[in-house]
Amino acid sequence: MLDFTAYDRILNAPWLIERFRDRYVDRTRLKQVGLMWNACLPQYQPRCIPTEEIAELGLPRDKKVFFYSERDRMLYAASFGAVVDYVEQLELWEEIDAYLFDGTMDWVIAVTHEDAILCLGI
């Protein structure tokens, strides 16, 4: 498994993730289902694609993104290409629930443990 901890951890992660939750997550539903990607606010209808298609989303590999691992509760700054490489090398038994977004939070990509990617605004 690729060690993603080599990338920059974001020190003000709680503030940034709270902004993310305010924008995209139904907090009542989150208490029931446990994972943010499964608790989108009702006005959002994510597009679902297979995990293997992450590189085909049209973002430049050098695009700076935030990568939030919900299981580890760690937020990193990385390039989209680094995240693609990380996701593509995951083994079948490695489960991930993570979110990619940029500073605008106008779009989000959720990589789920169900071998699916959910896309909003992209």
N, C-alpha and C. Protein backbone atom coordinates (compact mmCIF):
# COMPACT_ATOMS: atom_id res chain seq x y z
N MET A 1 0.84 -1.19 0.00
CA MET A 1 0.00 0.00 0.00
C MET A 1 0.88 1.24 0.00
N LEU A 2 0.55 2.17 -0.84
CA LEU A 2 1.25 3.45 -0.90
C LEU A 2 1.03 4.21 0.40
N ASP A 3 2.08 4.80 0.92
CA ASP A 3 1.97 5.55 2.17
C ASP A 3 1.61 7.00 1.86
N PHE A 4 0.36 7.34 2.08
CA PHE A 4 -0.09 8.69 1.74
C PHE A 4 0.36 9.72 2.77
N THR A 5 0.91 9.28 3.88
CA THR A 5 1.32 10.23 4.93
C THR A 5 2.52 11.07 4.52
N ALA A 6 3.15 10.76 3.40
CA ALA A 6 4.26 11.57 2.93
C ALA A 6 3.79 12.93 2.42
N TYR A 7 2.52 13.08 2.20
CA TYR A 7 1.99 14.34 1.70
C TYR A 7 1.71 15.28 2.86
N ASP A 8 1.49 16.53 2.56
CA ASP A 8 1.32 17.55 3.59
C ASP A 8 0.01 17.38 4.34
N ARG A 9 0.12 17.21 5.67
CA ARG A 9 -1.07 17.19 6.50
C ARG A 9 -1.52 18.62 6.69
N ILE A 10 -2.81 18.81 6.75
CA ILE A 10 -3.39 20.13 6.96
C ILE A 10 -3.66 20.30 8.44
N LEU A 11 -3.07 21.34 9.03
CA LEU A 11 -3.19 21.50 10.48
C LEU A 11 -4.54 22.05 10.91
N ASN A 12 -5.20 22.84 10.06
CA ASN A 12 -6.51 23.36 10.42
C ASN A 12 -7.63 22.49 9.85
N ALA A 13 -7.39 21.19 9.82
CA ALA A 13 -8.34 20.24 9.24
C ALA A 13 -9.73 20.31 9.84
N PRO A 14 -9.89 20.40 11.16
CA PRO A 14 -11.26 20.43 11.70
C PRO A 14 -12.10 21.57 11.12
N TRP A 15 -11.53 22.73 10.99
CA TRP A 15 -12.27 23.87 10.44
C TRP A 15 -12.66 23.60 8.99
N LEU A 16 -11.74 23.10 8.20
CA LEU A 16 -12.00 22.86 6.79
C LEU A 16 -13.04 21.75 6.60
N ILE A 17 -12.95 20.69 7.38
CA ILE A 17 -13.92 19.59 7.26
C ILE A 17 -15.29 20.04 7.74
N GLU A 18 -15.36 20.90 8.73
CA GLU A 18 -16.67 21.43 9.16
C GLU A 18 -17.31 22.24 8.03
N ARG A 19 -16.52 23.04 7.32
CA ARG A 19 -17.04 23.77 6.15
C ARG A 19 -17.57 22.78 5.12
N PHE A 20 -16.84 21.71 4.88
CA PHE A 20 -17.25 20.68 3.92
C PHE A 20 -18.57 20.06 4.36
N ARG A 21 -18.67 19.69 5.62
CA ARG A 21 -19.92 19.09 6.13
C ARG A 21 -21.08 20.06 6.03
N ASP A 22 -20.85 21.33 6.35
CA ASP A 22 -21.92 22.33 6.24
C ASP A 22 -22.46 22.40 4.82
N ARG A 23 -21.59 22.25 3.86
CA ARG A 23 -22.00 22.39 2.46
C ARG A 23 -22.66 21.15 1.89
N TYR A 24 -22.20 19.97 2.26
CA TYR A 24 -22.61 18.75 1.57
C TYR A 24 -23.34 17.70 2.41
N VAL A 25 -23.25 17.75 3.73
CA VAL A 25 -23.67 16.61 4.54
C VAL A 25 -24.90 16.91 5.39
N ASP A 26 -25.86 15.99 5.36
CA ASP A 26 -27.03 16.02 6.23
C ASP A 26 -26.59 15.40 7.56
N ARG A 27 -26.39 16.24 8.56
CA ARG A 27 -25.83 15.78 9.83
C ARG A 27 -26.75 14.81 10.57
N THR A 28 -28.05 14.96 10.42
CA THR A 28 -28.98 14.03 11.05
C THR A 28 -28.81 12.65 10.44
N ARG A 29 -28.78 12.60 9.13
CA ARG A 29 -28.60 11.32 8.43
C ARG A 29 -27.21 10.74 8.73
N LEU A 30 -26.21 11.59 8.85
CA LEU A 30 -24.86 11.12 9.14
C LEU A 30 -24.81 10.33 10.44
N LYS A 31 -25.58 10.75 11.42
CA LYS A 31 -25.63 10.01 12.69
C LYS A 31 -26.18 8.60 12.50
N GLN A 32 -27.01 8.42 11.49
CA GLN A 32 -27.62 7.12 11.23
C GLN A 32 -26.73 6.22 10.38
N VAL A 33 -26.05 6.82 9.38
CA VAL A 33 -25.32 6.00 8.41
C VAL A 33 -23.81 5.97 8.63
N GLY A 34 -23.26 6.95 9.32
CA GLY A 34 -21.87 6.91 9.72
C GLY A 34 -20.83 7.46 8.76
N LEU A 35 -21.10 7.48 7.47
CA LEU A 35 -20.14 7.99 6.50
C LEU A 35 -20.73 9.15 5.71
N MET A 36 -19.93 10.18 5.50
CA MET A 36 -20.43 11.40 4.86
C MET A 36 -20.96 11.15 3.45
N TRP A 37 -20.29 10.28 2.67
CA TRP A 37 -20.74 10.07 1.30
C TRP A 37 -22.12 9.42 1.25
N ASN A 38 -22.52 8.81 2.32
CA ASN A 38 -23.83 8.16 2.38
C ASN A 38 -24.88 9.08 3.03
N ALA A 39 -24.48 10.33 3.28
CA ALA A 39 -25.39 11.27 3.96
C ALA A 39 -25.41 12.63 3.25
N CYS A 40 -25.39 12.61 1.94
CA CYS A 40 -25.44 13.87 1.18
C CYS A 40 -26.75 14.59 1.45
N LEU A 41 -26.67 15.91 1.47
CA LEU A 41 -27.90 16.69 1.56
C LEU A 41 -28.80 16.35 0.39
N PRO A 42 -30.12 16.41 0.57
CA PRO A 42 -31.05 15.94 -0.47
C PRO A 42 -30.94 16.67 -1.80
N GLN A 43 -30.46 17.90 -1.81
CA GLN A 43 -30.36 18.64 -3.08
C GLN A 43 -29.21 18.14 -3.97
N TYR A 44 -28.38 17.27 -3.44
CA TYR A 44 -27.25 16.75 -4.22
C TYR A 44 -27.54 15.33 -4.68
N GLN A 45 -27.34 15.11 -5.96
CA GLN A 45 -27.51 13.78 -6.56
C GLN A 45 -26.19 13.39 -7.21
N PRO A 46 -25.32 12.69 -6.49
CA PRO A 46 -24.01 12.35 -7.05
C PRO A 46 -24.10 11.38 -8.21
N ARG A 47 -23.15 11.54 -9.11
CA ARG A 47 -22.99 10.63 -10.24
C ARG A 47 -22.05 9.52 -9.77
N CYS A 48 -22.39 8.29 -10.03
CA CYS A 48 -21.61 7.14 -9.58
C CYS A 48 -20.84 6.54 -10.76
N ILE A 49 -19.53 6.34 -10.55
CA ILE A 49 -18.70 5.70 -11.57
C ILE A 49 -17.82 4.65 -10.89
N PRO A 50 -17.30 3.69 -11.66
CA PRO A 50 -16.39 2.70 -11.07
C PRO A 50 -15.09 3.36 -10.62
N THR A 51 -14.49 2.82 -9.59
CA THR A 51 -13.24 3.36 -9.06
C THR A 51 -12.15 3.41 -10.13
N GLU A 52 -12.14 2.46 -11.03
CA GLU A 52 -11.11 2.40 -12.08
C GLU A 52 -11.13 3.62 -12.99
N GLU A 53 -12.20 4.40 -12.99
CA GLU A 53 -12.31 5.55 -13.89
C GLU A 53 -11.88 6.86 -13.24
N ILE A 54 -11.24 6.82 -12.09
CA ILE A 54 -10.86 8.05 -11.40
C ILE A 54 -9.95 8.94 -12.25
N ALA A 55 -9.06 8.35 -13.01
CA ALA A 55 -8.13 9.14 -13.82
C ALA A 55 -8.82 9.82 -15.00
N GLU A 56 -10.03 9.37 -15.33
CA GLU A 56 -10.74 9.89 -16.49
C GLU A 56 -11.71 11.01 -16.15
N LEU A 57 -11.61 11.59 -14.96
CA LEU A 57 -12.55 12.63 -14.54
C LEU A 57 -12.27 14.00 -15.16
N GLY A 58 -11.16 14.15 -15.84
CA GLY A 58 -10.88 15.39 -16.54
C GLY A 58 -10.12 16.43 -15.73
N LEU A 59 -9.68 16.09 -14.54
CA LEU A 59 -8.87 17.02 -13.75
C LEU A 59 -7.41 16.85 -14.13
N PRO A 60 -6.67 17.95 -14.21
CA PRO A 60 -5.23 17.83 -14.49
C PRO A 60 -4.52 17.11 -13.34
N ARG A 61 -3.54 16.30 -13.68
CA ARG A 61 -2.81 15.55 -12.64
C ARG A 61 -2.11 16.47 -11.65
N ASP A 62 -1.75 17.68 -12.08
CA ASP A 62 -1.05 18.59 -11.18
C ASP A 62 -1.99 19.51 -10.39
N LYS A 63 -3.29 19.32 -10.54
CA LYS A 63 -4.27 20.13 -9.79
C LYS A 63 -4.11 19.87 -8.30
N LYS A 64 -3.98 20.93 -7.53
CA LYS A 64 -3.86 20.81 -6.07
C LYS A 64 -5.24 20.53 -5.47
N VAL A 65 -5.31 19.50 -4.65
CA VAL A 65 -6.57 19.10 -4.03
C VAL A 65 -6.35 18.81 -2.55
N PHE A 66 -7.46 18.80 -1.83
CA PHE A 66 -7.46 18.27 -0.48
C PHE A 66 -7.93 16.82 -0.57
N PHE A 67 -7.31 15.97 0.22
CA PHE A 67 -7.66 14.56 0.28
C PHE A 67 -7.96 14.24 1.74
N TYR A 68 -9.24 13.95 2.03
CA TYR A 68 -9.65 13.67 3.40
C TYR A 68 -10.00 12.20 3.54
N SER A 69 -9.26 11.50 4.39
CA SER A 69 -9.54 10.10 4.69
C SER A 69 -10.47 10.07 5.90
N GLU A 70 -11.71 9.70 5.66
CA GLU A 70 -12.71 9.72 6.74
C GLU A 70 -12.41 8.67 7.81
N ARG A 71 -11.89 7.54 7.42
CA ARG A 71 -11.59 6.49 8.39
C ARG A 71 -10.47 6.92 9.36
N ASP A 72 -9.45 7.59 8.80
CA ASP A 72 -8.32 8.04 9.62
C ASP A 72 -8.52 9.45 10.19
N ARG A 73 -9.52 10.14 9.65
CA ARG A 73 -9.77 11.54 10.01
C ARG A 73 -8.53 12.41 9.79
N MET A 74 -7.90 12.19 8.63
CA MET A 74 -6.70 12.93 8.26
C MET A 74 -6.96 13.68 6.96
N LEU A 75 -6.52 14.92 6.92
CA LEU A 75 -6.66 15.76 5.73
C LEU A 75 -5.27 16.07 5.20
N TYR A 76 -5.09 15.85 3.90
CA TYR A 76 -3.81 16.07 3.24
C TYR A 76 -3.99 17.04 2.08
N ALA A 77 -2.90 17.72 1.73
CA ALA A 77 -2.83 18.50 0.50
C ALA A 77 -1.96 17.69 -0.47
N ALA A 78 -2.43 17.51 -1.68
CA ALA A 78 -1.70 16.70 -2.65
C ALA A 78 -2.13 17.11 -4.05
N SER A 79 -1.48 16.54 -5.03
CA SER A 79 -1.93 16.73 -6.41
C SER A 79 -2.97 15.67 -6.73
N PHE A 80 -3.82 15.97 -7.69
CA PHE A 80 -4.81 14.99 -8.12
C PHE A 80 -4.12 13.72 -8.61
N GLY A 81 -3.00 13.88 -9.31
CA GLY A 81 -2.25 12.72 -9.82
C GLY A 81 -1.78 11.81 -8.71
N ALA A 82 -1.32 12.38 -7.60
CA ALA A 82 -0.88 11.55 -6.46
C ALA A 82 -2.04 10.76 -5.88
N VAL A 83 -3.21 11.38 -5.83
CA VAL A 83 -4.39 10.69 -5.32
C VAL A 83 -4.81 9.57 -6.28
N VAL A 84 -4.77 9.86 -7.57
CA VAL A 84 -5.10 8.83 -8.57
C VAL A 84 -4.16 7.63 -8.41
N ASP A 85 -2.87 7.90 -8.29
CA ASP A 85 -1.90 6.81 -8.12
C ASP A 85 -2.21 6.00 -6.87
N TYR A 86 -2.55 6.68 -5.79
CA TYR A 86 -2.87 6.03 -4.53
C TYR A 86 -4.09 5.12 -4.68
N VAL A 87 -5.15 5.65 -5.27
CA VAL A 87 -6.39 4.88 -5.42
C VAL A 87 -6.18 3.69 -6.36
N GLU A 88 -5.44 3.90 -7.44
CA GLU A 88 -5.24 2.82 -8.41
C GLU A 88 -4.43 1.66 -7.86
N GLN A 89 -3.59 1.90 -6.85
CA GLN A 89 -2.78 0.81 -6.32
C GLN A 89 -3.40 0.11 -5.11
N LEU A 90 -4.58 0.55 -4.67
CA LEU A 90 -5.23 -0.08 -3.52
C LEU A 90 -5.52 -1.55 -3.81
N GLU A 91 -5.27 -2.39 -2.84
CA GLU A 91 -5.57 -3.82 -2.97
C GLU A 91 -7.05 -4.04 -2.66
N LEU A 92 -7.58 -5.18 -3.08
CA LEU A 92 -9.01 -5.47 -2.89
C LEU A 92 -9.44 -5.42 -1.42
N TRP A 93 -8.57 -5.82 -0.52
CA TRP A 93 -8.92 -5.86 0.90
C TRP A 93 -8.75 -4.51 1.59
N GLU A 94 -8.15 -3.54 0.92
CA GLU A 94 -7.96 -2.23 1.53
C GLU A 94 -9.21 -1.38 1.30
N GLU A 95 -9.83 -0.99 2.38
CA GLU A 95 -11.04 -0.19 2.27
C GLU A 95 -10.71 1.28 2.47
N ILE A 96 -11.37 2.10 1.69
CA ILE A 96 -11.13 3.53 1.76
C ILE A 96 -12.47 4.26 1.68
N ASP A 97 -12.59 5.30 2.43
CA ASP A 97 -13.69 6.25 2.32
C ASP A 97 -13.02 7.61 2.41
N ALA A 98 -12.88 8.25 1.26
CA ALA A 98 -12.11 9.49 1.21
C ALA A 98 -12.76 10.47 0.25
N TYR A 99 -12.39 11.73 0.41
CA TYR A 99 -13.00 12.83 -0.34
C TYR A 99 -11.91 13.69 -0.94
N LEU A 100 -12.11 14.10 -2.18
CA LEU A 100 -11.22 15.03 -2.85
C LEU A 100 -12.02 16.27 -3.17
N PHE A 101 -11.42 17.42 -2.93
CA PHE A 101 -12.05 18.70 -3.26
C PHE A 101 -10.97 19.75 -3.28
N ASP A 102 -11.28 20.90 -3.87
CA ASP A 102 -10.31 21.99 -3.83
C ASP A 102 -10.81 23.08 -2.89
N GLY A 103 -10.09 24.18 -2.83
CA GLY A 103 -10.43 25.24 -1.90
C GLY A 103 -11.79 25.88 -2.12
N THR A 104 -12.32 25.78 -3.34
CA THR A 104 -13.63 26.37 -3.62
C THR A 104 -14.77 25.51 -3.08
N MET A 105 -14.52 24.23 -2.94
CA MET A 105 -15.53 23.24 -2.55
C MET A 105 -16.73 23.25 -3.50
N ASP A 106 -16.50 23.65 -4.75
CA ASP A 106 -17.57 23.64 -5.75
C ASP A 106 -17.81 22.24 -6.30
N TRP A 107 -16.91 21.34 -6.04
CA TRP A 107 -17.04 19.95 -6.50
C TRP A 107 -16.43 19.04 -5.44
N VAL A 108 -16.85 17.79 -5.48
CA VAL A 108 -16.30 16.78 -4.57
C VAL A 108 -16.31 15.43 -5.26
N ILE A 109 -15.28 14.66 -4.97
CA ILE A 109 -15.19 13.29 -5.43
C ILE A 109 -15.07 12.43 -4.18
N ALA A 110 -15.97 11.49 -4.02
CA ALA A 110 -15.92 10.57 -2.88
C ALA A 110 -15.49 9.20 -3.38
N VAL A 111 -14.41 8.68 -2.83
CA VAL A 111 -13.93 7.34 -3.15
C VAL A 111 -14.40 6.44 -2.02
N THR A 112 -15.23 5.46 -2.34
CA THR A 112 -15.88 4.67 -1.30
C THR A 112 -15.31 3.26 -1.20
N HIS A 113 -15.55 2.64 -0.06
CA HIS A 113 -15.12 1.25 0.15
C HIS A 113 -15.95 0.27 -0.67
N GLU A 114 -16.96 0.75 -1.36
CA GLU A 114 -17.81 -0.11 -2.19
C GLU A 114 -17.34 -0.13 -3.64
N ASP A 115 -16.07 0.22 -3.86
CA ASP A 115 -15.47 0.23 -5.19
C ASP A 115 -16.24 1.13 -6.16
N ALA A 116 -16.67 2.27 -5.64
CA ALA A 116 -17.38 3.24 -6.46
C ALA A 116 -16.87 4.63 -6.12
N ILE A 117 -17.01 5.51 -7.08
CA ILE A 117 -16.68 6.92 -6.89
C ILE A 117 -17.96 7.71 -7.11
N LEU A 118 -18.23 8.62 -6.19
CA LEU A 118 -19.38 9.51 -6.30
C LEU A 118 -18.85 10.91 -6.64
N CYS A 119 -19.45 11.53 -7.64
CA CYS A 119 -18.99 12.84 -8.09
C CYS A 119 -20.11 13.86 -8.00
N LEU A 120 -19.78 15.00 -7.47
CA LEU A 120 -20.70 16.14 -7.43
C LEU A 120 -20.01 17.33 -8.07
N GLY A 121 -20.65 17.95 -9.04
CA GLY A 121 -20.10 19.16 -9.64
C GLY A 121 -18.92 18.95 -10.55
N ILE A 122 -18.68 17.73 -10.92
CA ILE A 122 -17.54 17.44 -11.82
C ILE A 122 -17.95 16.38 -12.84
